[in-house]
C-alpha cells in the first residue's frame, strides 16, 4: 500500500536508526541517508504529500538495511 512521504519520514524517525530525509536543493528527488550506507533518492514531485509506491519503499528498505515489516508497523 502506498504511503505519503511525510508518513515515511515519521516512520523512519520512529525506528531510531539515524536515517534522515533531505529536502531537494533542486528538482524533486528527496535523499534518504543512513550513516554507513548509500544514499537513496525518492522521487516526490508533490513534496511531502506525494504518495510513494511500494516499489520505492521496498528499494529504500533494501538499500538502507531496514526490515520492511518493521517500517510498515510505523506507517
PDB file of N, CA and C in Angstrom:
ATOM      1  N   UNK A   1       0.842  -1.174   0.000  1.00  0.00           N
ATOM      2  CA  UNK A   1       0.000   0.000   0.000  1.00  0.00           C
ATOM      3  C   UNK A   1       0.892   1.244   0.000  1.00  0.00           C
ATOM      4  N   UNK A   2       0.657   2.170  -0.920  1.00  0.00           N
ATOM      5  CA  UNK A   2       1.470   3.383  -0.975  1.00  0.00           C
ATOM      6  C   UNK A   2       1.334   4.214   0.294  1.00  0.00           C
ATOM      7  N   UNK A   3       2.375   4.976   0.594  1.00  0.00           N
ATOM      8  CA  UNK A   3       2.377   5.843   1.777  1.00  0.00           C
ATOM      9  C   UNK A   3       2.884   7.222   1.379  1.00  0.00           C
ATOM     10  N   UNK A   4       2.392   8.229   2.041  1.00  0.00           N
ATOM     11  CA  UNK A   4       2.868   9.594   1.781  1.00  0.00           C
ATOM     12  C   UNK A   4       4.296   9.754   2.306  1.00  0.00           C
ATOM     13  N   UNK A   5       5.023  10.640   1.661  1.00  0.00           N
ATOM     14  CA  UNK A   5       6.408  10.885   2.063  1.00  0.00           C
ATOM     15  C   UNK A   5       6.475  11.363   3.508  1.00  0.00           C
ATOM     16  N   UNK A   6       5.519  12.165   3.930  1.00  0.00           N
ATOM     17  CA  UNK A   6       5.518  12.650   5.313  1.00  0.00           C
ATOM     18  C   UNK A   6       5.377  11.492   6.305  1.00  0.00           C
ATOM     19  N   UNK A   7       4.571  10.485   5.959  1.00  0.00           N
ATOM     20  CA  UNK A   7       4.407   9.312   6.833  1.00  0.00           C
ATOM     21  C   UNK A   7       5.680   8.477   6.859  1.00  0.00           C
ATOM     22  N   UNK A   8       6.353   8.375   5.733  1.00  0.00           N
ATOM     23  CA  UNK A   8       7.612   7.623   5.674  1.00  0.00           C
ATOM     24  C   UNK A   8       8.664   8.332   6.525  1.00  0.00           C
ATOM     25  N   UNK A   9       8.709   9.651   6.450  1.00  0.00           N
ATOM     26  CA  UNK A   9       9.661  10.426   7.253  1.00  0.00           C
ATOM     27  C   UNK A   9       9.443  10.176   8.748  1.00  0.00           C
ATOM     28  N   UNK A  10       8.179  10.202   9.195  1.00  0.00           N
ATOM     29  CA  UNK A  10       7.860   9.948  10.609  1.00  0.00           C
ATOM     30  C   UNK A  10       8.217   8.521  11.009  1.00  0.00           C
ATOM     31  N   UNK A  11       7.918   7.551  10.134  1.00  0.00           N
ATOM     32  CA  UNK A  11       8.204   6.147  10.443  1.00  0.00           C
ATOM     33  C   UNK A  11       9.706   5.912  10.569  1.00  0.00           C
ATOM     34  N   UNK A  12      10.493   6.518   9.699  1.00  0.00           N
ATOM     35  CA  UNK A  12      11.946   6.364   9.776  1.00  0.00           C
ATOM     36  C   UNK A  12      12.489   6.989  11.060  1.00  0.00           C
ATOM     37  N   UNK A  13      11.917   8.109  11.475  1.00  0.00           N
ATOM     38  CA  UNK A  13      12.355   8.740  12.730  1.00  0.00           C
ATOM     39  C   UNK A  13      12.030   7.844  13.920  1.00  0.00           C
ATOM     40  N   UNK A  14      10.872   7.182  13.887  1.00  0.00           N
ATOM     41  CA  UNK A  14      10.476   6.302  14.989  1.00  0.00           C
ATOM     42  C   UNK A  14      11.365   5.073  15.103  1.00  0.00           C
ATOM     43  N   UNK A  15      11.949   4.632  13.984  1.00  0.00           N
ATOM     44  CA  UNK A  15      12.829   3.462  14.024  1.00  0.00           C
ATOM     45  C   UNK A  15      14.115   3.758  14.798  1.00  0.00           C
ATOM     46  N   UNK A  16      14.528   5.009  14.843  1.00  0.00           N
ATOM     47  CA  UNK A  16      15.699   5.397  15.621  1.00  0.00           C
ATOM     48  C   UNK A  16      17.021   4.900  15.061  1.00  0.00           C
ATOM     49  N   UNK A  17      17.131   4.829  13.743  1.00  0.00           N
ATOM     50  CA  UNK A  17      18.356   4.337  13.117  1.00  0.00           C
ATOM     51  C   UNK A  17      19.247   5.468  12.601  1.00  0.00           C
ATOM     52  N   UNK A  18      18.867   6.697  12.856  1.00  0.00           N
ATOM     53  CA  UNK A  18      19.658   7.827  12.392  1.00  0.00           C
ATOM     54  C   UNK A  18      19.449   8.159  10.932  1.00  0.00           C
ATOM     55  N   UNK A  19      18.344   7.707  10.355  1.00  0.00           N
ATOM     56  CA  UNK A  19      18.053   7.963   8.944  1.00  0.00           C
ATOM     57  C   UNK A  19      17.399   9.330   8.822  1.00  0.00           C
ATOM     58  N   UNK A  20      17.881  10.120   7.880  1.00  0.00           N
ATOM     59  CA  UNK A  20      17.298  11.429   7.621  1.00  0.00           C
ATOM     60  C   UNK A  20      16.883  11.513   6.159  1.00  0.00           C
ATOM     61  N   UNK A  21      15.824  12.259   5.899  1.00  0.00           N
ATOM     62  CA  UNK A  21      15.383  12.541   4.537  1.00  0.00           C
ATOM     63  C   UNK A  21      15.679  14.009   4.281  1.00  0.00           C
ATOM     64  N   UNK A  22      16.555  14.250   3.329  1.00  0.00           N
ATOM     65  CA  UNK A  22      16.956  15.621   3.000  1.00  0.00           C
ATOM     66  C   UNK A  22      16.071  16.160   1.890  1.00  0.00           C
ATOM     67  N   UNK A  23      15.651  17.420   2.035  1.00  0.00           N
ATOM     68  CA  UNK A  23      14.870  18.075   1.002  1.00  0.00           C
ATOM     69  C   UNK A  23      15.759  18.324  -0.216  1.00  0.00           C
ATOM     70  N   UNK A  24      15.167  18.295  -1.403  1.00  0.00           N
ATOM     71  CA  UNK A  24      15.977  18.535  -2.604  1.00  0.00           C
ATOM     72  C   UNK A  24      16.428  19.984  -2.700  1.00  0.00           C
ATOM     73  N   UNK A  25      17.666  20.191  -3.146  1.00  0.00           N
ATOM     74  CA  UNK A  25      18.142  21.548  -3.367  1.00  0.00           C
ATOM     75  C   UNK A  25      17.575  22.083  -4.682  1.00  0.00           C
ATOM     76  N   UNK A  26      17.338  21.181  -5.616  1.00  0.00           N
ATOM     77  CA  UNK A  26      16.628  21.488  -6.859  1.00  0.00           C
ATOM     78  C   UNK A  26      16.039  20.184  -7.373  1.00  0.00           C
ATOM     79  N   UNK A  27      15.044  20.275  -8.172  1.00  0.00           N
ATOM     80  CA  UNK A  27      14.399  19.064  -8.671  1.00  0.00           C
ATOM     81  C   UNK A  27      13.389  18.523  -7.674  1.00  0.00           C
ATOM     82  N   UNK A  28      13.090  17.231  -7.778  1.00  0.00           N
ATOM     83  CA  UNK A  28      12.027  16.656  -6.954  1.00  0.00           C
ATOM     84  C   UNK A  28      12.447  15.390  -6.213  1.00  0.00           C
ATOM     85  N   UNK A  29      13.731  15.069  -6.191  1.00  0.00           N
ATOM     86  CA  UNK A  29      14.174  13.849  -5.532  1.00  0.00           C
ATOM     87  C   UNK A  29      14.705  14.147  -4.130  1.00  0.00           C
ATOM     88  N   UNK A  30      13.979  13.635  -3.148  1.00  0.00           N
ATOM     89  CA  UNK A  30      14.426  13.739  -1.766  1.00  0.00           C
ATOM     90  C   UNK A  30      15.491  12.667  -1.549  1.00  0.00           C
ATOM     91  N   UNK A  31      16.444  12.915  -0.669  1.00  0.00           N
ATOM     92  CA  UNK A  31      17.545  11.977  -0.453  1.00  0.00           C
ATOM     93  C   UNK A  31      17.467  11.384   0.951  1.00  0.00           C
ATOM     94  N   UNK A  32      17.421  10.056   1.018  1.00  0.00           N
ATOM     95  CA  UNK A  32      17.444   9.355   2.308  1.00  0.00           C
ATOM     96  C   UNK A  32      18.877   8.943   2.585  1.00  0.00           C
ATOM     97  N   UNK A  33      19.333   9.251   3.780  1.00  0.00           N
ATOM     98  CA  UNK A  33      20.698   8.897   4.166  1.00  0.00           C
ATOM     99  C   UNK A  33      20.694   8.199   5.519  1.00  0.00           C
ATOM    100  N   UNK A  34      21.505   7.153   5.590  1.00  0.00           N
ATOM    101  CA  UNK A  34      21.759   6.457   6.853  1.00  0.00           C
ATOM    102  C   UNK A  34      23.266   6.339   6.977  1.00  0.00           C
ATOM    103  N   UNK A  35      23.833   6.690   8.124  1.00  0.00           N
ATOM    104  CA  UNK A  35      25.284   6.612   8.285  1.00  0.00           C
ATOM    105  C   UNK A  35      25.813   5.207   7.965  1.00  0.00           C
ATOM    106  N   UNK A  36      26.804   5.153   7.106  1.00  0.00           N
ATOM    107  CA  UNK A  36      27.421   3.884   6.747  1.00  0.00           C
ATOM    108  C   UNK A  36      26.775   3.175   5.562  1.00  0.00           C
ATOM    109  N   UNK A  37      25.720   3.760   4.989  1.00  0.00           N
ATOM    110  CA  UNK A  37      25.014   3.161   3.848  1.00  0.00           C
ATOM    111  C   UNK A  37      25.013   4.156   2.699  1.00  0.00           C
ATOM    112  N   UNK A  38      24.577   3.675   1.539  1.00  0.00           N
ATOM    113  CA  UNK A  38      24.455   4.547   0.378  1.00  0.00           C
ATOM    114  C   UNK A  38      23.251   5.460   0.525  1.00  0.00           C
ATOM    115  N   UNK A  39      23.227   6.509  -0.263  1.00  0.00           N
ATOM    116  CA  UNK A  39      22.091   7.420  -0.309  1.00  0.00           C
ATOM    117  C   UNK A  39      21.037   6.815  -1.238  1.00  0.00           C
ATOM    118  N   UNK A  40      19.753   6.988  -0.893  1.00  0.00           N
ATOM    119  CA  UNK A  40      18.681   6.504  -1.758  1.00  0.00           C
ATOM    120  C   UNK A  40      17.765   7.674  -2.123  1.00  0.00           C
ATOM    121  N   UNK A  41      17.596   7.969  -3.428  1.00  0.00           N
ATOM    122  CA  UNK A  41      16.721   9.070  -3.836  1.00  0.00           C
ATOM    123  C   UNK A  41      15.263   8.603  -3.931  1.00  0.00           C
ATOM    124  N   UNK A  42      14.358   9.458  -3.454  1.00  0.00           N
ATOM    125  CA  UNK A  42      12.925   9.168  -3.543  1.00  0.00           C
ATOM    126  C   UNK A  42      12.290  10.260  -4.408  1.00  0.00           C
ATOM    127  N   UNK A  43      11.668   9.872  -5.530  1.00  0.00           N
ATOM    128  CA  UNK A  43      11.004  10.885  -6.355  1.00  0.00           C
ATOM    129  C   UNK A  43       9.692  11.309  -5.707  1.00  0.00           C
ATOM    130  N   UNK A  44       9.588  12.586  -5.402  1.00  0.00           N
ATOM    131  CA  UNK A  44       8.377  13.109  -4.768  1.00  0.00           C
ATOM    132  C   UNK A  44       8.055  14.461  -5.399  1.00  0.00           C
ATOM    133  N   UNK A  45       7.328  14.430  -6.498  1.00  0.00           N
ATOM    134  CA  UNK A  45       7.053  15.637  -7.265  1.00  0.00           C
ATOM    135  C   UNK A  45       6.109  16.599  -6.552  1.00  0.00           C
ATOM    136  N   UNK A  46       5.308  16.111  -5.608  1.00  0.00           N
ATOM    137  CA  UNK A  46       4.398  16.971  -4.856  1.00  0.00           C
ATOM    138  C   UNK A  46       4.850  17.148  -3.416  1.00  0.00           C
ATOM    139  N   UNK A  47       6.131  17.010  -3.178  1.00  0.00           N
ATOM    140  CA  UNK A  47       6.688  17.220  -1.847  1.00  0.00           C
ATOM    141  C   UNK A  47       6.196  16.197  -0.836  1.00  0.00           C
ATOM    142  N   UNK A  48       5.921  16.657   0.377  1.00  0.00           N
ATOM    143  CA  UNK A  48       5.538  15.778   1.487  1.00  0.00           C
ATOM    144  C   UNK A  48       4.230  15.036   1.223  1.00  0.00           C
ATOM    145  N   UNK A  49       3.387  15.553   0.340  1.00  0.00           N
ATOM    146  CA  UNK A  49       2.079  14.941   0.092  1.00  0.00           C
ATOM    147  C   UNK A  49       2.120  13.859  -0.984  1.00  0.00           C
ATOM    148  N   UNK A  50       3.252  13.636  -1.594  1.00  0.00           N
ATOM    149  CA  UNK A  50       3.378  12.633  -2.642  1.00  0.00           C
ATOM    150  C   UNK A  50       3.219  11.231  -2.069  1.00  0.00           C
ATOM    151  N   UNK A  51       2.428  10.414  -2.740  1.00  0.00           N
ATOM    152  CA  UNK A  51       2.303   9.015  -2.339  1.00  0.00           C
ATOM    153  C   UNK A  51       3.431   8.225  -3.006  1.00  0.00           C
ATOM    154  N   UNK A  52       4.212   7.551  -2.190  1.00  0.00           N
ATOM    155  CA  UNK A  52       5.360   6.782  -2.660  1.00  0.00           C
ATOM    156  C   UNK A  52       4.909   5.332  -2.827  1.00  0.00           C
ATOM    157  N   UNK A  53       5.157   4.768  -3.999  1.00  0.00           N
ATOM    158  CA  UNK A  53       4.685   3.410  -4.275  1.00  0.00           C
ATOM    159  C   UNK A  53       5.507   2.359  -3.520  1.00  0.00           C
ATOM    160  N   UNK A  54       4.942   1.168  -3.438  1.00  0.00           N
ATOM    161  CA  UNK A  54       5.590   0.065  -2.728  1.00  0.00           C
ATOM    162  C   UNK A  54       6.954  -0.286  -3.312  1.00  0.00           C
ATOM    163  N   UNK A  55       7.118  -0.106  -4.602  1.00  0.00           N
ATOM    164  CA  UNK A  55       8.399  -0.421  -5.253  1.00  0.00           C
ATOM    165  C   UNK A  55       9.519   0.408  -4.625  1.00  0.00           C
ATOM    166  N   UNK A  56       9.263   1.702  -4.432  1.00  0.00           N
ATOM    167  CA  UNK A  56      10.278   2.579  -3.853  1.00  0.00           C
ATOM    168  C   UNK A  56      10.476   2.314  -2.364  1.00  0.00           C
ATOM    169  N   UNK A  57       9.407   1.968  -1.663  1.00  0.00           N
ATOM    170  CA  UNK A  57       9.541   1.670  -0.236  1.00  0.00           C
ATOM    171  C   UNK A  57      10.381   0.412  -0.031  1.00  0.00           C
ATOM    172  N   UNK A  58      10.129  -0.617  -0.844  1.00  0.00           N
ATOM    173  CA  UNK A  58      10.927  -1.855  -0.739  1.00  0.00           C
ATOM    174  C   UNK A  58      12.389  -1.584  -1.063  1.00  0.00           C
ATOM    175  N   UNK A  59      12.632  -0.809  -2.124  1.00  0.00           N
ATOM    176  CA  UNK A  59      14.010  -0.497  -2.522  1.00  0.00           C
ATOM    177  C   UNK A  59      14.713   0.342  -1.462  1.00  0.00           C
ATOM    178  N   UNK A  60      13.987   1.262  -0.834  1.00  0.00           N
ATOM    179  CA  UNK A  60      14.546   2.059   0.255  1.00  0.00           C
ATOM    180  C   UNK A  60      14.998   1.159   1.396  1.00  0.00           C
ATOM    181  N   UNK A  61      14.147   0.220   1.774  1.00  0.00           N
ATOM    182  CA  UNK A  61      14.484  -0.703   2.862  1.00  0.00           C
ATOM    183  C   UNK A  61      15.704  -1.545   2.509  1.00  0.00           C
ATOM    184  N   UNK A  62      15.755  -2.027   1.288  1.00  0.00           N
ATOM    185  CA  UNK A  62      16.878  -2.859   0.860  1.00  0.00           C
ATOM    186  C   UNK A  62      18.180  -2.053   0.833  1.00  0.00           C
ATOM    187  N   UNK A  63      18.120  -0.836   0.328  1.00  0.00           N
ATOM    188  CA  UNK A  63      19.318  -0.006   0.197  1.00  0.00           C
ATOM    189  C   UNK A  63      19.869   0.428   1.553  1.00  0.00           C
ATOM    190  N   UNK A  64      18.971   0.712   2.513  1.00  0.00           N
ATOM    191  CA  UNK A  64      19.409   1.238   3.799  1.00  0.00           C
ATOM    192  C   UNK A  64      19.443   0.183   4.899  1.00  0.00           C
ATOM    193  N   UNK A  65      19.219  -1.081   4.558  1.00  0.00           N
ATOM    194  CA  UNK A  65      19.326  -2.157   5.541  1.00  0.00           C
ATOM    195  C   UNK A  65      18.229  -2.137   6.593  1.00  0.00           C
ATOM    196  N   UNK A  66      17.004  -1.849   6.183  1.00  0.00           N
ATOM    197  CA  UNK A  66      15.862  -1.807   7.100  1.00  0.00           C
ATOM    198  C   UNK A  66      14.988  -3.023   6.841  1.00  0.00           C
ATOM    199  N   UNK A  67      14.446  -3.611   7.883  1.00  0.00           N
ATOM    200  CA  UNK A  67      13.481  -4.693   7.724  1.00  0.00           C
ATOM    201  C   UNK A  67      12.157  -4.027   7.341  1.00  0.00           C
ATOM    202  N   UNK A  68      11.632  -4.402   6.179  1.00  0.00           N
ATOM    203  CA  UNK A  68      10.430  -3.738   5.659  1.00  0.00           C
ATOM    204  C   UNK A  68       9.242  -3.871   6.605  1.00  0.00           C
ATOM    205  N   UNK A  69       9.090  -5.020   7.238  1.00  0.00           N
ATOM    206  CA  UNK A  69       7.960  -5.228   8.156  1.00  0.00           C
ATOM    207  C   UNK A  69       8.026  -4.252   9.336  1.00  0.00           C
ATOM    208  N   UNK A  70       9.223  -3.954   9.813  1.00  0.00           N
ATOM    209  CA  UNK A  70       9.367  -3.009  10.916  1.00  0.00           C
ATOM    210  C   UNK A  70       8.967  -1.599  10.480  1.00  0.00           C
ATOM    211  N   UNK A  71       9.363  -1.220   9.281  1.00  0.00           N
ATOM    212  CA  UNK A  71       8.983   0.094   8.777  1.00  0.00           C
ATOM    213  C   UNK A  71       7.471   0.175   8.589  1.00  0.00           C
ATOM    214  N   UNK A  72       6.868  -0.870   8.044  1.00  0.00           N
ATOM    215  CA  UNK A  72       5.414  -0.889   7.809  1.00  0.00           C
ATOM    216  C   UNK A  72       4.623  -0.781   9.102  1.00  0.00           C
ATOM    217  N   UNK A  73       5.152  -1.291  10.206  1.00  0.00           N
ATOM    218  CA  UNK A  73       4.462  -1.187  11.502  1.00  0.00           C
ATOM    219  C   UNK A  73       4.264   0.267  11.912  1.00  0.00           C
ATOM    220  N   UNK A  74       5.201   1.125  11.516  1.00  0.00           N
ATOM    221  CA  UNK A  74       5.152   2.529  11.923  1.00  0.00           C
ATOM    222  C   UNK A  74       4.449   3.425  10.929  1.00  0.00           C
ATOM    223  N   UNK A  75       4.066   2.882   9.761  1.00  0.00           N
ATOM    224  CA  UNK A  75       3.374   3.708   8.752  1.00  0.00           C
ATOM    225  C   UNK A  75       1.921   3.886   9.084  1.00  0.00           C
TER     226      UNK A  75
END
